[in-house]
Amino acid sequence: MALLLPLAACSQANERICYTPDAVPAVGDWKGCVHRWSYRLAVSSDPAPQVAQAVVGGCEEAVISGAISLPDDEGGYLKDAMDEARRLALFHVIQARAGHCAIP
């Protein structure tokens, strides 16, 4: 019976791994979109990079809206925002899987 306790703990959120910002980003904020959808889709059995790409696809409109609100230098800001969204999505997918994180 003692062996079951450590196994039960594996399915609970690990607050040392799971990150929830003090101020949860607004629904229209692209980083909040990436955070929420990464945690939602992390349960997929697909490889993490593939899940992260799906997250970015789902949040693409929010990322573009956030990027075009900045001054543009021939698409530089949009490319930078999409690259950052991909990195952030991959991080949050792996984080959610490792920590069994709850959806923010």
Protein backbone atom coordinates (compact mmCIF):
# COMPACT_ATOMS: atom_id res chain seq x y z
CA MET A 1 0.00 0.00 0.00
CA ALA A 2 2.89 2.37 0.70
CA LEU A 3 3.93 2.11 -2.96
CA LEU A 4 0.64 3.61 -4.10
CA LEU A 5 1.18 6.94 -2.36
CA PRO A 6 4.16 8.04 -4.49
CA LEU A 7 2.31 6.97 -7.64
CA ALA A 8 -0.79 8.93 -6.66
CA ALA A 9 1.33 12.05 -6.24
CA CYS A 10 2.48 11.77 -9.87
CA SER A 11 -0.93 12.78 -11.18
CA GLN A 12 -1.25 15.91 -9.05
CA ALA A 13 -0.01 19.34 -10.08
CA ASN A 14 3.54 20.18 -9.05
CA GLU A 15 3.44 23.82 -8.00
CA ARG A 16 7.23 24.05 -8.23
CA ILE A 17 6.99 23.34 -11.97
CA CYS A 18 3.61 24.82 -12.86
CA TYR A 19 3.73 28.54 -13.46
CA THR A 20 0.73 30.74 -13.02
CA PRO A 21 1.53 34.45 -13.21
CA ASP A 22 0.28 36.66 -10.42
CA ALA A 23 -1.89 38.51 -12.89
CA VAL A 24 -3.46 36.07 -15.33
CA PRO A 25 -3.15 37.60 -18.82
CA ALA A 26 -6.33 38.96 -20.35
CA VAL A 27 -8.17 36.76 -22.84
CA GLY A 28 -7.05 38.98 -25.75
CA ASP A 29 -3.39 38.82 -24.73
CA TRP A 30 -1.48 36.44 -27.01
CA LYS A 31 0.83 35.20 -24.25
CA GLY A 32 -2.24 34.28 -22.20
CA CYS A 33 -3.68 32.47 -25.22
CA VAL A 34 -0.46 30.49 -25.68
CA HIS A 35 -0.28 29.68 -21.97
CA ARG A 36 -3.88 28.43 -21.75
CA TRP A 37 -3.86 26.43 -24.98
CA SER A 38 -0.47 24.89 -24.25
CA TYR A 39 -1.78 23.54 -20.96
CA ARG A 40 -5.02 22.38 -22.61
CA LEU A 41 -3.32 20.55 -25.46
CA ALA A 42 -0.41 19.17 -23.44
CA VAL A 43 -2.43 16.02 -22.69
CA SER A 44 -2.18 15.07 -26.35
CA SER A 45 0.06 12.10 -27.11
CA ASP A 46 1.66 13.96 -30.04
CA PRO A 47 5.30 15.10 -29.74
CA ALA A 48 5.68 18.39 -27.85
CA PRO A 49 6.92 20.40 -30.89
CA GLN A 50 3.86 19.31 -32.87
CA VAL A 51 1.53 20.26 -30.00
CA ALA A 52 3.30 23.62 -29.65
CA GLN A 53 2.80 24.30 -33.36
CA ALA A 54 -0.92 23.57 -32.97
CA VAL A 55 -1.04 26.01 -30.05
CA VAL A 56 0.57 28.74 -32.13
CA GLY A 57 -1.88 28.01 -34.94
CA GLY A 58 -4.78 28.37 -32.54
CA CYS A 59 -3.42 31.63 -31.15
CA GLU A 60 -2.15 33.03 -34.44
CA GLU A 61 -4.79 35.75 -34.67
CA ALA A 62 -3.99 36.98 -31.16
CA VAL A 63 -0.23 36.91 -31.87
CA ILE A 64 -0.68 38.85 -35.11
CA SER A 65 -2.98 41.38 -33.44
CA GLY A 66 -0.45 41.91 -30.67
CA ALA A 67 2.46 42.20 -33.11
CA ILE A 68 0.82 44.66 -35.50
CA SER A 69 0.02 47.01 -32.67
CA LEU A 70 3.76 47.72 -32.56
CA PRO A 71 5.70 49.76 -35.14
CA ASP A 72 6.64 47.45 -38.00
CA ASP A 73 9.97 47.23 -39.78
CA GLU A 74 9.14 45.07 -42.79
CA GLY A 75 7.56 42.24 -40.83
CA GLY A 76 10.29 42.05 -38.20
CA TYR A 77 7.97 42.42 -35.25
CA LEU A 78 5.51 39.84 -36.59
CA LYS A 79 8.28 37.30 -37.22
CA ASP A 80 9.75 37.96 -33.78
CA ALA A 81 6.32 37.57 -32.14
CA MET A 82 5.64 34.28 -33.97
CA ASP A 83 9.09 32.94 -33.01
CA GLU A 84 8.51 33.93 -29.40
CA ALA A 85 5.04 32.32 -29.46
CA ARG A 86 6.57 29.04 -30.72
CA ARG A 87 9.23 29.05 -27.99
CA LEU A 88 6.71 29.92 -25.30
CA ALA A 89 4.23 27.28 -26.49
CA LEU A 90 6.89 24.55 -26.46
CA PHE A 91 8.00 25.59 -22.99
CA HIS A 92 4.45 25.58 -21.61
CA VAL A 93 3.58 22.21 -23.24
CA ILE A 94 6.61 20.56 -21.66
CA GLN A 95 6.00 22.39 -18.39
CA ALA A 96 2.36 21.25 -18.27
CA ARG A 97 3.34 17.65 -19.00
CA ALA A 98 6.12 17.59 -16.42
CA GLY A 99 4.11 19.27 -13.71
CA HIS A 100 0.62 17.91 -14.49
CA CYS A 101 -0.40 21.56 -14.50
CA ALA A 102 -4.01 22.70 -14.32
CA ILE A 103 -5.32 24.89 -17.14
CA PRO A 104 -5.02 28.56 -16.10
